[in-house]
């Protein structure tokens, strides 16, 4: 019986709820799109030195 109760909750799509909360808090509704549109990665890549080792650098 517990499994029947938890399964619908596990499969529930909460993305609309998260978007609403972000909107109400004056946040980005889609943080990934906002991050990409801000071109933050390109700006930081100019500031940071290039990695010379086997490290990943800016991921």
N, C-alpha and C. Protein backbone atom coordinates (compact mmCIF):
# COMPACT_ATOMS: atom_id res chain seq x y z
N UNK A 1 0.81 -1.19 0.00
CA UNK A 1 0.00 0.00 0.00
C UNK A 1 0.87 1.27 0.00
N UNK A 2 1.97 1.22 0.69
CA UNK A 2 2.87 2.37 0.70
C UNK A 2 3.43 2.61 -0.69
N UNK A 3 3.73 1.54 -1.41
CA UNK A 3 4.25 1.66 -2.76
C UNK A 3 3.23 2.34 -3.66
N UNK A 4 1.97 2.01 -3.53
CA UNK A 4 0.92 2.65 -4.34
C UNK A 4 0.79 4.13 -4.02
N UNK A 5 1.08 4.50 -2.81
CA UNK A 5 1.00 5.90 -2.41
C UNK A 5 2.20 6.69 -2.93
N UNK A 6 3.37 6.09 -2.85
CA UNK A 6 4.59 6.81 -3.22
C UNK A 6 4.80 6.89 -4.73
N UNK A 7 4.37 5.91 -5.48
CA UNK A 7 4.64 5.89 -6.92
C UNK A 7 4.08 7.13 -7.64
N UNK A 8 2.82 7.51 -7.44
CA UNK A 8 2.34 8.74 -8.11
C UNK A 8 3.10 9.99 -7.69
N UNK A 9 3.49 10.05 -6.43
CA UNK A 9 4.24 11.22 -5.97
C UNK A 9 5.62 11.25 -6.62
N UNK A 10 6.23 10.11 -6.79
CA UNK A 10 7.55 10.04 -7.42
C UNK A 10 7.46 10.46 -8.88
N UNK A 11 6.40 10.08 -9.56
CA UNK A 11 6.24 10.37 -10.98
C UNK A 11 5.62 11.72 -11.27
N UNK A 12 5.26 12.47 -10.25
CA UNK A 12 4.62 13.77 -10.45
C UNK A 12 5.60 14.77 -11.07
N UNK A 13 5.13 15.53 -12.02
CA UNK A 13 5.94 16.56 -12.66
C UNK A 13 5.85 17.84 -11.83
N UNK A 14 6.93 18.23 -11.20
CA UNK A 14 6.94 19.41 -10.34
C UNK A 14 7.53 20.63 -11.03
N UNK A 15 7.90 20.51 -12.30
CA UNK A 15 8.51 21.63 -13.01
C UNK A 15 7.62 22.86 -13.06
N UNK A 16 6.30 22.73 -13.31
CA UNK A 16 5.47 23.94 -13.29
C UNK A 16 5.43 24.62 -11.92
N UNK A 17 5.43 23.83 -10.86
CA UNK A 17 5.42 24.39 -9.51
C UNK A 17 6.72 25.14 -9.25
N UNK A 18 7.85 24.56 -9.65
CA UNK A 18 9.14 25.22 -9.47
C UNK A 18 9.21 26.52 -10.26
N UNK A 19 8.69 26.50 -11.47
CA UNK A 19 8.70 27.72 -12.29
C UNK A 19 7.87 28.81 -11.64
N UNK A 20 6.72 28.44 -11.07
CA UNK A 20 5.87 29.42 -10.41
C UNK A 20 6.58 30.03 -9.20
N UNK A 21 7.24 29.20 -8.41
CA UNK A 21 7.95 29.69 -7.22
C UNK A 21 9.09 30.61 -7.63
N UNK A 22 9.84 30.22 -8.65
CA UNK A 22 10.94 31.07 -9.13
C UNK A 22 10.40 32.42 -9.61
N UNK A 23 9.28 32.40 -10.31
CA UNK A 23 8.68 33.64 -10.81
C UNK A 23 8.25 34.54 -9.65
N UNK A 24 7.62 33.96 -8.66
CA UNK A 24 7.17 34.73 -7.50
C UNK A 24 8.33 35.32 -6.70
N UNK A 25 9.46 34.65 -6.74
CA UNK A 25 10.64 35.13 -6.00
C UNK A 25 11.55 35.98 -6.88
N UNK A 26 11.02 36.40 -8.04
CA UNK A 26 11.78 37.21 -9.00
C UNK A 26 13.05 36.53 -9.47
N UNK A 27 13.00 35.21 -9.55
CA UNK A 27 14.14 34.44 -10.05
C UNK A 27 13.95 34.06 -11.50
N UNK A 28 14.93 33.41 -12.03
CA UNK A 28 14.87 32.92 -13.41
C UNK A 28 13.94 31.72 -13.47
N UNK A 29 12.96 31.76 -14.34
CA UNK A 29 12.03 30.64 -14.45
C UNK A 29 12.77 29.41 -14.95
N UNK A 30 13.67 29.59 -15.90
CA UNK A 30 14.50 28.49 -16.39
C UNK A 30 15.96 28.88 -16.18
N UNK A 31 16.56 28.46 -15.05
CA UNK A 31 17.92 28.90 -14.73
C UNK A 31 18.97 28.50 -15.77
N UNK A 32 18.82 27.37 -16.41
CA UNK A 32 19.82 26.93 -17.39
C UNK A 32 19.81 27.85 -18.61
N UNK A 33 18.63 28.19 -19.08
CA UNK A 33 18.53 29.10 -20.23
C UNK A 33 19.09 30.48 -19.86
N UNK A 34 18.78 30.94 -18.67
CA UNK A 34 19.30 32.24 -18.22
C UNK A 34 20.82 32.22 -18.14
N UNK A 35 21.37 31.14 -17.62
CA UNK A 35 22.83 31.00 -17.51
C UNK A 35 23.47 31.04 -18.91
N UNK A 36 22.89 30.31 -19.83
CA UNK A 36 23.46 30.26 -21.18
C UNK A 36 23.33 31.60 -21.89
N UNK A 37 22.20 32.28 -21.72
CA UNK A 37 21.99 33.58 -22.37
C UNK A 37 22.90 34.65 -21.79
N UNK A 38 23.30 34.51 -20.54
CA UNK A 38 24.18 35.49 -19.91
C UNK A 38 25.62 35.38 -20.40
N UNK A 39 25.95 34.29 -21.08
CA UNK A 39 27.30 34.04 -21.59
C UNK A 39 28.35 34.15 -20.50
N UNK A 40 27.98 33.73 -19.30
CA UNK A 40 28.88 33.77 -18.14
C UNK A 40 30.12 32.90 -18.39
N UNK A 41 29.92 31.74 -18.98
CA UNK A 41 31.04 30.82 -19.20
C UNK A 41 32.11 31.46 -20.09
N UNK A 42 31.69 32.12 -21.14
CA UNK A 42 32.65 32.77 -22.04
C UNK A 42 33.39 33.91 -21.34
N UNK A 43 32.68 34.66 -20.51
CA UNK A 43 33.31 35.76 -19.79
C UNK A 43 34.35 35.26 -18.80
N UNK A 44 34.02 34.20 -18.08
CA UNK A 44 34.93 33.66 -17.09
C UNK A 44 36.13 32.99 -17.76
N UNK A 45 35.91 32.40 -18.92
CA UNK A 45 37.01 31.76 -19.64
C UNK A 45 38.09 32.76 -20.02
N UNK A 46 37.71 34.01 -20.26
CA UNK A 46 38.69 35.04 -20.60
C UNK A 46 39.51 35.45 -19.39
N UNK A 47 38.91 35.37 -18.21
CA UNK A 47 39.58 35.80 -16.98
C UNK A 47 40.50 34.71 -16.44
N UNK A 48 40.02 33.48 -16.45
CA UNK A 48 40.78 32.37 -15.85
C UNK A 48 41.90 31.92 -16.78
N UNK A 49 43.02 31.53 -16.21
CA UNK A 49 44.10 31.01 -17.05
C UNK A 49 43.73 29.64 -17.61
N UNK A 50 44.27 29.34 -18.76
CA UNK A 50 44.00 28.03 -19.39
C UNK A 50 44.64 26.93 -18.55
N UNK A 51 44.00 25.82 -18.46
CA UNK A 51 44.51 24.67 -17.71
C UNK A 51 45.58 23.97 -18.52
N UNK A 52 46.73 23.71 -17.92
CA UNK A 52 47.81 23.05 -18.63
C UNK A 52 47.93 21.57 -18.26
N UNK A 53 47.28 21.19 -17.20
CA UNK A 53 47.36 19.80 -16.76
C UNK A 53 46.25 18.97 -17.37
N UNK A 54 46.03 17.83 -16.77
CA UNK A 54 44.99 16.95 -17.28
C UNK A 54 43.63 17.30 -16.67
N UNK A 55 43.58 18.37 -15.89
CA UNK A 55 42.31 18.79 -15.29
C UNK A 55 41.34 19.27 -16.34
N UNK A 56 40.10 19.34 -15.98
CA UNK A 56 39.07 19.69 -16.94
C UNK A 56 38.95 21.19 -17.17
N UNK A 57 39.54 22.01 -16.33
CA UNK A 57 39.39 23.45 -16.49
C UNK A 57 37.95 23.85 -16.25
N UNK A 58 37.42 24.71 -17.07
CA UNK A 58 36.02 25.13 -16.95
C UNK A 58 35.18 24.04 -17.59
N UNK A 59 34.29 23.52 -16.82
CA UNK A 59 33.46 22.42 -17.33
C UNK A 59 32.23 22.96 -17.97
